[in-house]
Amino acid sequence: MPRIALYTLLVCVLSLAAAVVSFVQGSWLGIVWVLLAGLSSNMTWYYVKRARAAERDRAALQDGPVTG
């Protein structure tokens, strides 16, 4: 997993924890934390998929062109 994906996953987990704390304290600011968690979750999936696609492309280039 790429390092940037790990960072965005960490932001996602921390923002979820902050949202829980905010809602427990009765603050509506937790909504902002939930939105940040959603954004960072999407970023994590994007970077993971991008790394997998790059890995597949590298493997395809090493195998050589397909002739048929």
PDB file of N, CA and C in Angstrom:
ATOM      1  N   MET A   1       0.849  -1.172   0.000  1.00  0.00           N
ATOM      2  CA  MET A   1       0.000   0.000   0.000  1.00  0.00           C
ATOM      3  C   MET A   1       0.899   1.243   0.000  1.00  0.00           C
ATOM      4  N   PRO A   2       0.619   2.191  -0.874  1.00  0.00           N
ATOM      5  CA  PRO A   2       1.444   3.396  -0.944  1.00  0.00           C
ATOM      6  C   PRO A   2       1.378   4.197   0.363  1.00  0.00           C
ATOM      7  N   ARG A   3       2.421   4.929   0.602  1.00  0.00           N
ATOM      8  CA  ARG A   3       2.507   5.698   1.838  1.00  0.00           C
ATOM      9  C   ARG A   3       1.384   6.729   1.937  1.00  0.00           C
ATOM     10  N   ILE A   4       1.043   7.372   0.829  1.00  0.00           N
ATOM     11  CA  ILE A   4      -0.015   8.386   0.870  1.00  0.00           C
ATOM     12  C   ILE A   4      -1.360   7.760   1.230  1.00  0.00           C
ATOM     13  N   ALA A   5      -1.589   6.522   0.807  1.00  0.00           N
ATOM     14  CA  ALA A   5      -2.826   5.834   1.171  1.00  0.00           C
ATOM     15  C   ALA A   5      -2.864   5.552   2.672  1.00  0.00           C
ATOM     16  N   LEU A   6      -1.728   5.234   3.238  1.00  0.00           N
ATOM     17  CA  LEU A   6      -1.670   5.018   4.689  1.00  0.00           C
ATOM     18  C   LEU A   6      -1.949   6.315   5.442  1.00  0.00           C
ATOM     19  N   TYR A   7      -1.421   7.422   4.941  1.00  0.00           N
ATOM     20  CA  TYR A   7      -1.672   8.713   5.580  1.00  0.00           C
ATOM     21  C   TYR A   7      -3.156   9.077   5.522  1.00  0.00           C
ATOM     22  N   THR A   8      -3.785   8.866   4.370  1.00  0.00           N
ATOM     23  CA  THR A   8      -5.198   9.201   4.258  1.00  0.00           C
ATOM     24  C   THR A   8      -6.055   8.264   5.110  1.00  0.00           C
ATOM     25  N   LEU A   9      -5.629   7.017   5.252  1.00  0.00           N
ATOM     26  CA  LEU A   9      -6.340   6.090   6.131  1.00  0.00           C
ATOM     27  C   LEU A   9      -6.225   6.552   7.580  1.00  0.00           C
ATOM     28  N   LEU A  10      -5.053   7.023   7.974  1.00  0.00           N
ATOM     29  CA  LEU A  10      -4.854   7.540   9.318  1.00  0.00           C
ATOM     30  C   LEU A  10      -5.734   8.760   9.565  1.00  0.00           C
ATOM     31  N   VAL A  11      -5.824   9.653   8.586  1.00  0.00           N
ATOM     32  CA  VAL A  11      -6.692  10.828   8.712  1.00  0.00           C
ATOM     33  C   VAL A  11      -8.148  10.390   8.850  1.00  0.00           C
ATOM     34  N   CYS A  12      -8.536   9.382   8.117  1.00  0.00           N
ATOM     35  CA  CYS A  12      -9.908   8.871   8.185  1.00  0.00           C
ATOM     36  C   CYS A  12     -10.222   8.349   9.593  1.00  0.00           C
ATOM     37  N   VAL A  13      -9.341   7.551  10.138  1.00  0.00           N
ATOM     38  CA  VAL A  13      -9.565   6.977  11.472  1.00  0.00           C
ATOM     39  C   VAL A  13      -9.592   8.076  12.530  1.00  0.00           C
ATOM     40  N   LEU A  14      -8.659   9.019  12.439  1.00  0.00           N
ATOM     41  CA  LEU A  14      -8.614  10.094  13.428  1.00  0.00           C
ATOM     42  C   LEU A  14      -9.837  11.005  13.331  1.00  0.00           C
ATOM     43  N   SER A  15     -10.301  11.258  12.119  1.00  0.00           N
ATOM     44  CA  SER A  15     -11.478  12.114  11.985  1.00  0.00           C
ATOM     45  C   SER A  15     -12.736  11.408  12.478  1.00  0.00           C
ATOM     46  N   LEU A  16     -12.808  10.094  12.316  1.00  0.00           N
ATOM     47  CA  LEU A  16     -13.944   9.354  12.885  1.00  0.00           C
ATOM     48  C   LEU A  16     -13.916   9.411  14.411  1.00  0.00           C
ATOM     49  N   ALA A  17     -12.742   9.283  14.983  1.00  0.00           N
ATOM     50  CA  ALA A  17     -12.623   9.391  16.442  1.00  0.00           C
ATOM     51  C   ALA A  17     -13.018  10.794  16.910  1.00  0.00           C
ATOM     52  N   ALA A  18     -12.604  11.811  16.173  1.00  0.00           N
ATOM     53  CA  ALA A  18     -12.963  13.182  16.530  1.00  0.00           C
ATOM     54  C   ALA A  18     -14.468  13.400  16.393  1.00  0.00           C
ATOM     55  N   ALA A  19     -15.085  12.785  15.403  1.00  0.00           N
ATOM     56  CA  ALA A  19     -16.530  12.911  15.234  1.00  0.00           C
ATOM     57  C   ALA A  19     -17.269  12.284  16.408  1.00  0.00           C
ATOM     58  N   VAL A  20     -16.816  11.119  16.827  1.00  0.00           N
ATOM     59  CA  VAL A  20     -17.459  10.454  17.968  1.00  0.00           C
ATOM     60  C   VAL A  20     -17.341  11.320  19.215  1.00  0.00           C
ATOM     61  N   VAL A  21     -16.156  11.849  19.466  1.00  0.00           N
ATOM     62  CA  VAL A  21     -15.947  12.700  20.640  1.00  0.00           C
ATOM     63  C   VAL A  21     -16.827  13.942  20.562  1.00  0.00           C
ATOM     64  N   SER A  22     -16.907  14.545  19.382  1.00  0.00           N
ATOM     65  CA  SER A  22     -17.722  15.751  19.217  1.00  0.00           C
ATOM     66  C   SER A  22     -19.193  15.469  19.477  1.00  0.00           C
ATOM     67  N   PHE A  23     -19.695  14.377  18.933  1.00  0.00           N
ATOM     68  CA  PHE A  23     -21.104  14.057  19.129  1.00  0.00           C
ATOM     69  C   PHE A  23     -21.396  13.677  20.581  1.00  0.00           C
ATOM     70  N   VAL A  24     -20.466  13.001  21.237  1.00  0.00           N
ATOM     71  CA  VAL A  24     -20.666  12.637  22.642  1.00  0.00           C
ATOM     72  C   VAL A  24     -20.728  13.891  23.504  1.00  0.00           C
ATOM     73  N   GLN A  25     -19.940  14.890  23.144  1.00  0.00           N
ATOM     74  CA  GLN A  25     -19.946  16.149  23.901  1.00  0.00           C
ATOM     75  C   GLN A  25     -21.127  17.032  23.522  1.00  0.00           C
ATOM     76  N   GLY A  26     -21.931  16.621  22.569  1.00  0.00           N
ATOM     77  CA  GLY A  26     -23.115  17.366  22.191  1.00  0.00           C
ATOM     78  C   GLY A  26     -22.849  18.447  21.152  1.00  0.00           C
ATOM     79  N   SER A  27     -21.716  18.398  20.488  1.00  0.00           N
ATOM     80  CA  SER A  27     -21.372  19.411  19.495  1.00  0.00           C
ATOM     81  C   SER A  27     -21.762  18.924  18.102  1.00  0.00           C
ATOM     82  N   TRP A  28     -22.319  19.839  17.326  1.00  0.00           N
ATOM     83  CA  TRP A  28     -22.669  19.519  15.953  1.00  0.00           C
ATOM     84  C   TRP A  28     -21.471  19.633  15.028  1.00  0.00           C
ATOM     85  N   LEU A  29     -20.335  20.011  15.555  1.00  0.00           N
ATOM     86  CA  LEU A  29     -19.108  20.084  14.768  1.00  0.00           C
ATOM     87  C   LEU A  29     -18.690  18.701  14.261  1.00  0.00           C
ATOM     88  N   GLY A  30     -19.236  17.663  14.870  1.00  0.00           N
ATOM     89  CA  GLY A  30     -18.945  16.299  14.441  1.00  0.00           C
ATOM     90  C   GLY A  30     -19.324  16.043  12.989  1.00  0.00           C
ATOM     91  N   ILE A  31     -20.284  16.809  12.481  1.00  0.00           N
ATOM     92  CA  ILE A  31     -20.684  16.649  11.083  1.00  0.00           C
ATOM     93  C   ILE A  31     -19.507  16.954  10.160  1.00  0.00           C
ATOM     94  N   VAL A  32     -18.736  17.980  10.506  1.00  0.00           N
ATOM     95  CA  VAL A  32     -17.557  18.326   9.698  1.00  0.00           C
ATOM     96  C   VAL A  32     -16.550  17.186   9.728  1.00  0.00           C
ATOM     97  N   TRP A  33     -16.378  16.576  10.895  1.00  0.00           N
ATOM     98  CA  TRP A  33     -15.443  15.455  11.013  1.00  0.00           C
ATOM     99  C   TRP A  33     -15.903  14.261  10.202  1.00  0.00           C
ATOM    100  N   VAL A  34     -17.206  14.024  10.163  1.00  0.00           N
ATOM    101  CA  VAL A  34     -17.738  12.913   9.364  1.00  0.00           C
ATOM    102  C   VAL A  34     -17.491  13.165   7.879  1.00  0.00           C
ATOM    103  N   LEU A  35     -17.695  14.414   7.449  1.00  0.00           N
ATOM    104  CA  LEU A  35     -17.427  14.747   6.047  1.00  0.00           C
ATOM    105  C   LEU A  35     -15.948  14.573   5.709  1.00  0.00           C
ATOM    106  N   LEU A  36     -15.070  14.969   6.623  1.00  0.00           N
ATOM    107  CA  LEU A  36     -13.634  14.781   6.401  1.00  0.00           C
ATOM    108  C   LEU A  36     -13.282  13.294   6.343  1.00  0.00           C
ATOM    109  N   ALA A  37     -13.939  12.498   7.171  1.00  0.00           N
ATOM    110  CA  ALA A  37     -13.701  11.044   7.136  1.00  0.00           C
ATOM    111  C   ALA A  37     -14.120  10.462   5.792  1.00  0.00           C
ATOM    112  N   GLY A  38     -15.247  10.911   5.267  1.00  0.00           N
ATOM    113  CA  GLY A  38     -15.698  10.430   3.965  1.00  0.00           C
ATOM    114  C   GLY A  38     -14.734  10.812   2.858  1.00  0.00           C
ATOM    115  N   LEU A  39     -14.270  12.042   2.881  1.00  0.00           N
ATOM    116  CA  LEU A  39     -13.321  12.500   1.868  1.00  0.00           C
ATOM    117  C   LEU A  39     -12.014  11.711   1.940  1.00  0.00           C
ATOM    118  N   SER A  40     -11.476  11.545   3.129  1.00  0.00           N
ATOM    119  CA  SER A  40     -10.202  10.833   3.257  1.00  0.00           C
ATOM    120  C   SER A  40     -10.361   9.349   2.929  1.00  0.00           C
ATOM    121  N   SER A  41     -11.533   8.778   3.197  1.00  0.00           N
ATOM    122  CA  SER A  41     -11.778   7.389   2.819  1.00  0.00           C
ATOM    123  C   SER A  41     -11.751   7.232   1.301  1.00  0.00           C
ATOM    124  N   ASN A  42     -12.402   8.158   0.604  1.00  0.00           N
ATOM    125  CA  ASN A  42     -12.381   8.109  -0.859  1.00  0.00           C
ATOM    126  C   ASN A  42     -10.969   8.298  -1.405  1.00  0.00           C
ATOM    127  N   MET A  43     -10.199   9.168  -0.772  1.00  0.00           N
ATOM    128  CA  MET A  43      -8.816   9.369  -1.214  1.00  0.00           C
ATOM    129  C   MET A  43      -7.994   8.105  -1.003  1.00  0.00           C
ATOM    130  N   THR A  44      -8.236   7.415   0.106  1.00  0.00           N
ATOM    131  CA  THR A  44      -7.510   6.163   0.366  1.00  0.00           C
ATOM    132  C   THR A  44      -7.786   5.140  -0.726  1.00  0.00           C
ATOM    133  N   TRP A  45      -9.064   4.948  -1.069  1.00  0.00           N
ATOM    134  CA  TRP A  45      -9.404   3.989  -2.122  1.00  0.00           C
ATOM    135  C   TRP A  45      -8.802   4.395  -3.455  1.00  0.00           C
ATOM    136  N   TYR A  46      -8.804   5.696  -3.743  1.00  0.00           N
ATOM    137  CA  TYR A  46      -8.243   6.170  -5.007  1.00  0.00           C
ATOM    138  C   TYR A  46      -6.763   5.819  -5.105  1.00  0.00           C
ATOM    139  N   TYR A  47      -6.004   6.106  -4.062  1.00  0.00           N
ATOM    140  CA  TYR A  47      -4.570   5.835  -4.115  1.00  0.00           C
ATOM    141  C   TYR A  47      -4.261   4.347  -4.126  1.00  0.00           C
ATOM    142  N   VAL A  48      -5.066   3.543  -3.449  1.00  0.00           N
ATOM    143  CA  VAL A  48      -4.851   2.094  -3.476  1.00  0.00           C
ATOM    144  C   VAL A  48      -5.129   1.545  -4.880  1.00  0.00           C
ATOM    145  N   LYS A  49      -6.240   1.980  -5.483  1.00  0.00           N
ATOM    146  CA  LYS A  49      -6.561   1.516  -6.836  1.00  0.00           C
ATOM    147  C   LYS A  49      -5.527   1.988  -7.841  1.00  0.00           C
ATOM    148  N   ARG A  50      -5.051   3.220  -7.682  1.00  0.00           N
ATOM    149  CA  ARG A  50      -4.047   3.746  -8.597  1.00  0.00           C
ATOM    150  C   ARG A  50      -2.743   2.946  -8.498  1.00  0.00           C
ATOM    151  N   ALA A  51      -2.365   2.564  -7.286  1.00  0.00           N
ATOM    152  CA  ALA A  51      -1.144   1.773  -7.104  1.00  0.00           C
ATOM    153  C   ALA A  51      -1.307   0.375  -7.709  1.00  0.00           C
ATOM    154  N   ARG A  52      -2.489  -0.218  -7.547  1.00  0.00           N
ATOM    155  CA  ARG A  52      -2.726  -1.548  -8.125  1.00  0.00           C
ATOM    156  C   ARG A  52      -2.682  -1.488  -9.645  1.00  0.00           C
ATOM    157  N   ALA A  53      -3.269  -0.449 -10.218  1.00  0.00           N
ATOM    158  CA  ALA A  53      -3.260  -0.312 -11.679  1.00  0.00           C
ATOM    159  C   ALA A  53      -1.835  -0.101 -12.189  1.00  0.00           C
ATOM    160  N   ALA A  54      -1.054   0.685 -11.482  1.00  0.00           N
ATOM    161  CA  ALA A  54       0.333   0.903 -11.892  1.00  0.00           C
ATOM    162  C   ALA A  54       1.131  -0.391 -11.797  1.00  0.00           C
ATOM    163  N   GLU A  55       0.861  -1.181 -10.774  1.00  0.00           N
ATOM    164  CA  GLU A  55       1.546  -2.461 -10.629  1.00  0.00           C
ATOM    165  C   GLU A  55       1.175  -3.415 -11.763  1.00  0.00           C
ATOM    166  N   ARG A  56      -0.108  -3.439 -12.135  1.00  0.00           N
ATOM    167  CA  ARG A  56      -0.537  -4.277 -13.258  1.00  0.00           C
ATOM    168  C   ARG A  56       0.116  -3.831 -14.557  1.00  0.00           C
ATOM    169  N   ASP A  57       0.206  -2.515 -14.754  1.00  0.00           N
ATOM    170  CA  ASP A  57       0.827  -1.999 -15.970  1.00  0.00           C
ATOM    171  C   ASP A  57       2.308  -2.368 -16.039  1.00  0.00           C
ATOM    172  N   ARG A  58       2.993  -2.274 -14.908  1.00  0.00           N
ATOM    173  CA  ARG A  58       4.415  -2.655 -14.886  1.00  0.00           C
ATOM    174  C   ARG A  58       4.584  -4.130 -15.193  1.00  0.00           C
ATOM    175  N   ALA A  59       3.702  -4.969 -14.638  1.00  0.00           N
ATOM    176  CA  ALA A  59       3.782  -6.406 -14.884  1.00  0.00           C
ATOM    177  C   ALA A  59       3.495  -6.710 -16.358  1.00  0.00           C
ATOM    178  N   ALA A  60       2.561  -5.980 -16.955  1.00  0.00           N
ATOM    179  CA  ALA A  60       2.247  -6.206 -18.367  1.00  0.00           C
ATOM    180  C   ALA A  60       3.416  -5.788 -19.259  1.00  0.00           C
ATOM    181  N   LEU A  61       4.097  -4.749 -18.905  1.00  0.00           N
ATOM    182  CA  LEU A  61       5.245  -4.302 -19.698  1.00  0.00           C
ATOM    183  C   LEU A  61       6.407  -5.286 -19.595  1.00  0.00           C
ATOM    184  N   GLN A  62       6.552  -5.922 -18.445  1.00  0.00           N
ATOM    185  CA  GLN A  62       7.625  -6.892 -18.292  1.00  0.00           C
ATOM    186  C   GLN A  62       7.366  -8.162 -19.080  1.00  0.00           C
ATOM    187  N   ASP A  63       6.099  -8.501 -19.245  1.00  0.00           N
ATOM    188  CA  ASP A  63       5.749  -9.708 -19.991  1.00  0.00           C
ATOM    189  C   ASP A  63       5.963  -9.533 -21.485  1.00  0.00           C
ATOM    190  N   GLY A  64       5.991  -8.313 -21.922  1.00  0.00           N
ATOM    191  CA  GLY A  64       6.205  -8.051 -23.342  1.00  0.00           C
ATOM    192  C   GLY A  64       4.891  -7.889 -24.067  1.00  0.00           C
ATOM    193  N   PRO A  65       4.964  -7.471 -25.331  1.00  0.00           N
ATOM    194  CA  PRO A  65       3.732  -7.252 -26.082  1.00  0.00           C
ATOM    195  C   PRO A  65       3.042  -8.569 -26.434  1.00  0.00           C
ATOM    196  N   VAL A  66       1.751  -8.484 -26.539  1.00  0.00           N
ATOM    197  CA  VAL A  66       0.956  -9.641 -26.909  1.00  0.00           C
ATOM    198  C   VAL A  66       0.841  -9.667 -28.425  1.00  0.00           C
ATOM    199  N   THR A  67       1.255 -10.778 -29.010  1.00  0.00           N
ATOM    200  CA  THR A  67       1.141 -10.917 -30.476  1.00  0.00           C
ATOM    201  C   THR A  67       0.158 -12.041 -30.749  1.00  0.00           C
ATOM    202  N   GLY A  68      -0.575 -11.889 -31.748  1.00  0.00           N
ATOM    203  CA  GLY A  68      -1.522 -12.945 -31.981  1.00  0.00           C
ATOM    204  C   GLY A  68      -2.042 -12.890 -33.341  1.00  0.00           C
TER     205      GLY A  68
END
